[in-house]
Amino acid sequence: MNNKNNERVFKMSFASVYPHYLEKAEKKGRTKAEVDEIIHWLLGYDAKALQRHIDAKTNFETLFNQAKINPNVSKITGVICGYRVEEIEDPLMQKIRYLDKLIDELAKGKAMEKILRK
């Protein structure tokens, strides 16, 4: 991925992408609660903090920079958007792709215990 594309993603509002995460999960019979649980696990935000970021239209860069990233994040492996998440060089883009990967696993029917690397 080039830096220009990364910058575009970093400045994107999380609130503009969140409904797509929900739609992807709900199309496959999963729930908003499960999507939120993944976000809470990965980023350390509780429901109120997450809603504040959505309401404020926080961009991805700020959302992830203020997060308390789960220490088990290194257990997330595999391909998302044509890239192996464990090989993405830009640390911020890697964290964003971790979230994409977890939502993808949810939509594919993976059990929450496995998604949350328990």
N, C-alpha and C. Protein backbone atom coordinates (compact mmCIF):
# COMPACT_ATOMS: atom_id res chain seq x y z
N MET A 1 0.85 -1.20 0.00
CA MET A 1 0.00 0.00 0.00
C MET A 1 0.87 1.24 0.00
N ASN A 2 0.46 2.20 -0.76
CA ASN A 2 1.27 3.42 -0.80
C ASN A 2 0.87 4.39 0.31
N ASN A 3 1.75 5.31 0.60
CA ASN A 3 1.52 6.26 1.70
C ASN A 3 0.32 7.16 1.47
N LYS A 4 0.07 7.52 0.20
CA LYS A 4 -1.06 8.40 -0.11
C LYS A 4 -2.37 7.69 0.24
N ASN A 5 -2.46 6.42 -0.11
CA ASN A 5 -3.65 5.64 0.21
C ASN A 5 -3.79 5.47 1.73
N ASN A 6 -2.67 5.20 2.40
CA ASN A 6 -2.69 5.08 3.86
C ASN A 6 -3.22 6.35 4.50
N GLU A 7 -2.71 7.50 4.06
CA GLU A 7 -3.15 8.78 4.63
C GLU A 7 -4.65 8.99 4.45
N ARG A 8 -5.15 8.60 3.29
CA ARG A 8 -6.58 8.73 3.03
C ARG A 8 -7.39 7.89 4.03
N VAL A 9 -6.93 6.67 4.28
CA VAL A 9 -7.60 5.78 5.23
C VAL A 9 -7.49 6.35 6.65
N PHE A 10 -6.31 6.83 7.01
CA PHE A 10 -6.09 7.35 8.37
C PHE A 10 -7.02 8.52 8.68
N LYS A 11 -7.30 9.34 7.68
CA LYS A 11 -8.13 10.53 7.89
C LYS A 11 -9.63 10.25 7.76
N MET A 12 -9.95 9.03 7.34
CA MET A 12 -11.35 8.64 7.20
C MET A 12 -12.04 8.57 8.56
N SER A 13 -13.26 9.03 8.62
CA SER A 13 -14.03 8.98 9.86
C SER A 13 -14.41 7.54 10.18
N PHE A 14 -14.15 7.11 11.42
CA PHE A 14 -14.56 5.78 11.85
C PHE A 14 -16.08 5.64 11.73
N ALA A 15 -16.81 6.72 12.04
CA ALA A 15 -18.28 6.69 11.97
C ALA A 15 -18.78 6.39 10.56
N SER A 16 -17.99 6.73 9.54
CA SER A 16 -18.41 6.47 8.16
C SER A 16 -18.20 5.00 7.77
N VAL A 17 -17.33 4.30 8.48
CA VAL A 17 -17.02 2.90 8.15
C VAL A 17 -17.77 1.93 9.07
N TYR A 18 -18.02 2.36 10.30
CA TYR A 18 -18.70 1.51 11.29
C TYR A 18 -19.99 0.88 10.75
N PRO A 19 -20.87 1.63 10.06
CA PRO A 19 -22.09 0.99 9.53
C PRO A 19 -21.79 -0.14 8.54
N HIS A 20 -20.68 -0.05 7.84
CA HIS A 20 -20.29 -1.11 6.91
C HIS A 20 -19.86 -2.36 7.66
N TYR A 21 -19.17 -2.18 8.79
CA TYR A 21 -18.82 -3.32 9.64
C TYR A 21 -20.10 -4.01 10.11
N LEU A 22 -21.06 -3.21 10.56
CA LEU A 22 -22.33 -3.77 11.05
C LEU A 22 -23.07 -4.51 9.93
N GLU A 23 -23.14 -3.87 8.77
CA GLU A 23 -23.85 -4.47 7.64
C GLU A 23 -23.21 -5.80 7.24
N LYS A 24 -21.90 -5.83 7.18
CA LYS A 24 -21.19 -7.04 6.79
C LYS A 24 -21.50 -8.18 7.76
N ALA A 25 -21.49 -7.87 9.05
CA ALA A 25 -21.76 -8.88 10.08
C ALA A 25 -23.23 -9.30 10.07
N GLU A 26 -24.13 -8.33 10.02
CA GLU A 26 -25.57 -8.61 10.11
C GLU A 26 -26.08 -9.39 8.90
N LYS A 27 -25.47 -9.17 7.72
CA LYS A 27 -25.84 -9.93 6.53
C LYS A 27 -25.61 -11.42 6.74
N LYS A 28 -24.66 -11.74 7.60
CA LYS A 28 -24.29 -13.13 7.86
C LYS A 28 -24.88 -13.63 9.17
N GLY A 29 -25.86 -12.89 9.71
CA GLY A 29 -26.55 -13.35 10.91
C GLY A 29 -25.84 -13.03 12.22
N ARG A 30 -24.82 -12.20 12.16
CA ARG A 30 -24.13 -11.79 13.39
C ARG A 30 -24.75 -10.49 13.88
N THR A 31 -24.32 -10.03 15.06
CA THR A 31 -25.01 -8.90 15.69
C THR A 31 -24.10 -7.69 15.90
N LYS A 32 -24.76 -6.54 16.12
CA LYS A 32 -24.05 -5.31 16.48
C LYS A 32 -23.27 -5.53 17.77
N ALA A 33 -23.86 -6.26 18.71
CA ALA A 33 -23.18 -6.54 19.98
C ALA A 33 -21.86 -7.27 19.75
N GLU A 34 -21.84 -8.19 18.79
CA GLU A 34 -20.61 -8.92 18.50
C GLU A 34 -19.57 -8.01 17.84
N VAL A 35 -20.01 -7.15 16.93
CA VAL A 35 -19.10 -6.18 16.30
C VAL A 35 -18.51 -5.29 17.38
N ASP A 36 -19.35 -4.78 18.27
CA ASP A 36 -18.88 -3.90 19.35
C ASP A 36 -17.93 -4.63 20.28
N GLU A 37 -18.20 -5.91 20.56
CA GLU A 37 -17.32 -6.69 21.43
C GLU A 37 -15.93 -6.82 20.82
N ILE A 38 -15.87 -7.02 19.52
CA ILE A 38 -14.59 -7.09 18.81
C ILE A 38 -13.84 -5.76 18.95
N ILE A 39 -14.56 -4.67 18.74
CA ILE A 39 -13.94 -3.34 18.85
C ILE A 39 -13.47 -3.09 20.28
N HIS A 40 -14.28 -3.46 21.26
CA HIS A 40 -13.89 -3.29 22.67
C HIS A 40 -12.63 -4.11 22.97
N TRP A 41 -12.60 -5.36 22.47
CA TRP A 41 -11.46 -6.24 22.72
C TRP A 41 -10.19 -5.68 22.09
N LEU A 42 -10.29 -5.26 20.83
CA LEU A 42 -9.11 -4.80 20.10
C LEU A 42 -8.61 -3.45 20.59
N LEU A 43 -9.53 -2.50 20.80
CA LEU A 43 -9.14 -1.11 21.06
C LEU A 43 -9.25 -0.70 22.53
N GLY A 44 -9.93 -1.49 23.34
CA GLY A 44 -10.03 -1.18 24.76
C GLY A 44 -11.07 -0.14 25.10
N TYR A 45 -11.91 0.25 24.14
CA TYR A 45 -12.95 1.24 24.42
C TYR A 45 -14.19 0.57 24.98
N ASP A 46 -14.81 1.17 26.00
CA ASP A 46 -16.10 0.68 26.46
C ASP A 46 -17.18 1.27 25.55
N ALA A 47 -18.44 0.89 25.78
CA ALA A 47 -19.53 1.31 24.91
C ALA A 47 -19.66 2.83 24.83
N LYS A 48 -19.51 3.52 25.97
CA LYS A 48 -19.64 4.99 25.98
C LYS A 48 -18.53 5.64 25.19
N ALA A 49 -17.30 5.18 25.39
CA ALA A 49 -16.16 5.76 24.67
C ALA A 49 -16.29 5.52 23.16
N LEU A 50 -16.72 4.32 22.79
CA LEU A 50 -16.91 4.01 21.38
C LEU A 50 -17.96 4.94 20.77
N GLN A 51 -19.07 5.12 21.47
CA GLN A 51 -20.13 5.99 20.97
C GLN A 51 -19.66 7.44 20.86
N ARG A 52 -18.83 7.88 21.81
CA ARG A 52 -18.28 9.25 21.74
C ARG A 52 -17.46 9.43 20.46
N HIS A 53 -16.65 8.42 20.13
CA HIS A 53 -15.83 8.49 18.92
C HIS A 53 -16.71 8.50 17.67
N ILE A 54 -17.78 7.72 17.68
CA ILE A 54 -18.70 7.69 16.54
C ILE A 54 -19.38 9.06 16.41
N ASP A 55 -19.89 9.58 17.52
CA ASP A 55 -20.58 10.87 17.50
C ASP A 55 -19.66 12.01 17.06
N ALA A 56 -18.40 11.94 17.49
CA ALA A 56 -17.43 12.99 17.17
C ALA A 56 -16.84 12.83 15.76
N LYS A 57 -17.19 11.73 15.09
CA LYS A 57 -16.65 11.42 13.77
C LYS A 57 -15.11 11.39 13.78
N THR A 58 -14.59 10.78 14.84
CA THR A 58 -13.14 10.62 15.01
C THR A 58 -12.57 9.86 13.81
N ASN A 59 -11.41 10.32 13.33
CA ASN A 59 -10.78 9.59 12.23
C ASN A 59 -10.03 8.36 12.76
N PHE A 60 -9.69 7.45 11.84
CA PHE A 60 -9.03 6.21 12.24
C PHE A 60 -7.72 6.46 12.97
N GLU A 61 -6.95 7.44 12.51
CA GLU A 61 -5.66 7.73 13.13
C GLU A 61 -5.84 8.07 14.61
N THR A 62 -6.76 8.96 14.92
CA THR A 62 -7.01 9.35 16.31
C THR A 62 -7.61 8.20 17.10
N LEU A 63 -8.57 7.50 16.51
CA LEU A 63 -9.22 6.37 17.18
C LEU A 63 -8.19 5.35 17.65
N PHE A 64 -7.28 4.99 16.76
CA PHE A 64 -6.29 3.97 17.10
C PHE A 64 -5.17 4.52 17.98
N ASN A 65 -4.79 5.77 17.77
CA ASN A 65 -3.73 6.36 18.61
C ASN A 65 -4.16 6.53 20.06
N GLN A 66 -5.45 6.71 20.30
CA GLN A 66 -5.95 6.87 21.67
C GLN A 66 -6.35 5.54 22.30
N ALA A 67 -6.32 4.47 21.52
CA ALA A 67 -6.76 3.16 21.99
C ALA A 67 -5.71 2.48 22.86
N LYS A 68 -6.19 1.55 23.68
CA LYS A 68 -5.31 0.65 24.43
C LYS A 68 -5.38 -0.69 23.70
N ILE A 69 -4.51 -0.85 22.71
CA ILE A 69 -4.53 -2.03 21.84
C ILE A 69 -4.30 -3.30 22.67
N ASN A 70 -5.13 -4.31 22.42
CA ASN A 70 -5.04 -5.58 23.15
C ASN A 70 -3.65 -6.20 22.96
N PRO A 71 -3.05 -6.68 24.05
CA PRO A 71 -1.71 -7.29 23.93
C PRO A 71 -1.69 -8.56 23.09
N ASN A 72 -2.83 -9.21 22.89
CA ASN A 72 -2.88 -10.43 22.08
C ASN A 72 -3.03 -10.15 20.58
N VAL A 73 -2.90 -8.89 20.19
CA VAL A 73 -3.08 -8.50 18.80
C VAL A 73 -2.12 -9.25 17.87
N SER A 74 -0.96 -9.63 18.35
CA SER A 74 0.01 -10.33 17.51
C SER A 74 -0.46 -11.73 17.12
N LYS A 75 -1.49 -12.24 17.78
CA LYS A 75 -2.04 -13.55 17.44
C LYS A 75 -2.96 -13.48 16.21
N ILE A 76 -3.27 -12.27 15.76
CA ILE A 76 -4.12 -12.10 14.57
C ILE A 76 -3.24 -12.25 13.34
N THR A 77 -3.55 -13.27 12.55
CA THR A 77 -2.77 -13.54 11.34
C THR A 77 -3.73 -13.82 10.19
N GLY A 78 -3.19 -13.79 8.99
CA GLY A 78 -3.98 -14.11 7.81
C GLY A 78 -4.02 -12.96 6.83
N VAL A 79 -4.84 -13.14 5.79
CA VAL A 79 -4.89 -12.19 4.68
C VAL A 79 -6.17 -11.38 4.75
N ILE A 80 -6.03 -10.07 4.55
CA ILE A 80 -7.18 -9.18 4.43
C ILE A 80 -6.85 -8.16 3.35
N CYS A 81 -7.76 -7.96 2.45
CA CYS A 81 -7.56 -7.01 1.33
C CYS A 81 -6.28 -7.32 0.55
N GLY A 82 -5.93 -8.60 0.46
CA GLY A 82 -4.77 -9.01 -0.31
C GLY A 82 -3.43 -8.88 0.40
N TYR A 83 -3.46 -8.50 1.67
CA TYR A 83 -2.22 -8.33 2.45
C TYR A 83 -2.24 -9.25 3.67
N ARG A 84 -1.09 -9.83 3.99
CA ARG A 84 -0.96 -10.59 5.25
C ARG A 84 -0.87 -9.56 6.36
N VAL A 85 -1.78 -9.62 7.33
CA VAL A 85 -1.80 -8.59 8.37
C VAL A 85 -0.51 -8.55 9.17
N GLU A 86 0.09 -9.70 9.37
CA GLU A 86 1.32 -9.72 10.17
C GLU A 86 2.52 -9.13 9.43
N GLU A 87 2.39 -8.88 8.13
CA GLU A 87 3.50 -8.32 7.34
C GLU A 87 3.31 -6.86 6.95
N ILE A 88 2.20 -6.25 7.35
CA ILE A 88 1.96 -4.84 7.01
C ILE A 88 2.95 -3.98 7.79
N GLU A 89 3.70 -3.16 7.08
CA GLU A 89 4.80 -2.42 7.71
C GLU A 89 4.35 -1.20 8.50
N ASP A 90 3.38 -0.48 8.00
CA ASP A 90 2.93 0.72 8.71
C ASP A 90 2.13 0.29 9.95
N PRO A 91 2.59 0.67 11.16
CA PRO A 91 1.93 0.20 12.39
C PRO A 91 0.45 0.58 12.49
N LEU A 92 0.11 1.79 12.06
CA LEU A 92 -1.28 2.22 12.14
C LEU A 92 -2.14 1.45 11.14
N MET A 93 -1.66 1.30 9.91
CA MET A 93 -2.42 0.54 8.91
C MET A 93 -2.57 -0.91 9.36
N GLN A 94 -1.56 -1.46 9.99
CA GLN A 94 -1.64 -2.83 10.47
C GLN A 94 -2.77 -2.96 11.51
N LYS A 95 -2.88 -2.01 12.42
CA LYS A 95 -3.94 -2.06 13.44
C LYS A 95 -5.32 -1.94 12.80
N ILE A 96 -5.44 -1.07 11.80
CA ILE A 96 -6.72 -0.92 11.10
C ILE A 96 -7.08 -2.22 10.40
N ARG A 97 -6.12 -2.85 9.77
CA ARG A 97 -6.36 -4.13 9.08
C ARG A 97 -6.66 -5.26 10.06
N TYR A 98 -6.10 -5.18 11.28
CA TYR A 98 -6.48 -6.16 12.31
C TYR A 98 -7.98 -6.09 12.54
N LEU A 99 -8.51 -4.88 12.66
CA LEU A 99 -9.95 -4.72 12.88
C LEU A 99 -10.72 -5.28 11.69
N ASP A 100 -10.28 -4.95 10.47
CA ASP A 100 -10.94 -5.49 9.27
C ASP A 100 -10.94 -7.02 9.30
N LYS A 101 -9.82 -7.60 9.68
CA LYS A 101 -9.67 -9.06 9.71
C LYS A 101 -10.63 -9.67 10.72
N LEU A 102 -10.75 -9.07 11.90
CA LEU A 102 -11.64 -9.61 12.93
C LEU A 102 -13.11 -9.54 12.49
N ILE A 103 -13.49 -8.44 11.86
CA ILE A 103 -14.86 -8.30 11.36
C ILE A 103 -15.11 -9.32 10.26
N ASP A 104 -14.12 -9.54 9.42
CA ASP A 104 -14.21 -10.54 8.36
C ASP A 104 -14.41 -11.94 8.94
N GLU A 105 -13.66 -12.26 9.98
CA GLU A 105 -13.79 -13.57 10.64
C GLU A 105 -15.19 -13.72 11.23
N LEU A 106 -15.72 -12.66 11.82
CA LEU A 106 -17.07 -12.68 12.37
C LEU A 106 -18.08 -12.99 11.26
N ALA A 107 -17.97 -12.30 10.14
CA ALA A 107 -18.89 -12.49 9.03
C ALA A 107 -18.77 -13.89 8.43
N LYS A 108 -17.61 -14.51 8.57
CA LYS A 108 -17.41 -15.86 8.04
C LYS A 108 -17.88 -16.94 9.01
N GLY A 109 -18.43 -16.51 10.16
CA GLY A 109 -19.02 -17.47 11.09
C GLY A 109 -18.09 -18.03 12.15
N LYS A 110 -16.92 -17.47 12.28
CA LYS A 110 -15.98 -17.95 13.28
C LYS A 110 -16.52 -17.68 14.69
N ALA A 111 -16.25 -18.56 15.62
CA ALA A 111 -16.70 -18.41 17.00
C ALA A 111 -16.01 -17.22 17.66
N MET A 112 -16.74 -16.50 18.51
CA MET A 112 -16.18 -15.32 19.17
C MET A 112 -14.91 -15.64 19.97
N GLU A 113 -14.88 -16.80 20.63
CA GLU A 113 -13.68 -17.16 21.42
C GLU A 113 -12.45 -17.21 20.54
N LYS A 114 -12.62 -17.70 19.30
CA LYS A 114 -11.49 -17.77 18.37
C LYS A 114 -11.15 -16.39 17.82
N ILE A 115 -12.18 -15.61 17.49
CA ILE A 115 -11.94 -14.26 16.97
C ILE A 115 -11.18 -13.43 17.99
N LEU A 116 -11.56 -13.55 19.26
CA LEU A 116 -10.93 -12.76 20.33
C LEU A 116 -9.66 -13.41 20.87
N ARG A 117 -9.20 -14.43 20.17
CA ARG A 117 -7.91 -15.06 20.49
C ARG A 117 -7.82 -15.47 21.96
N LYS A 118 -8.87 -16.10 22.45
CA LYS A 118 -8.88 -16.52 23.86
C LYS A 118 -8.28 -17.90 24.02
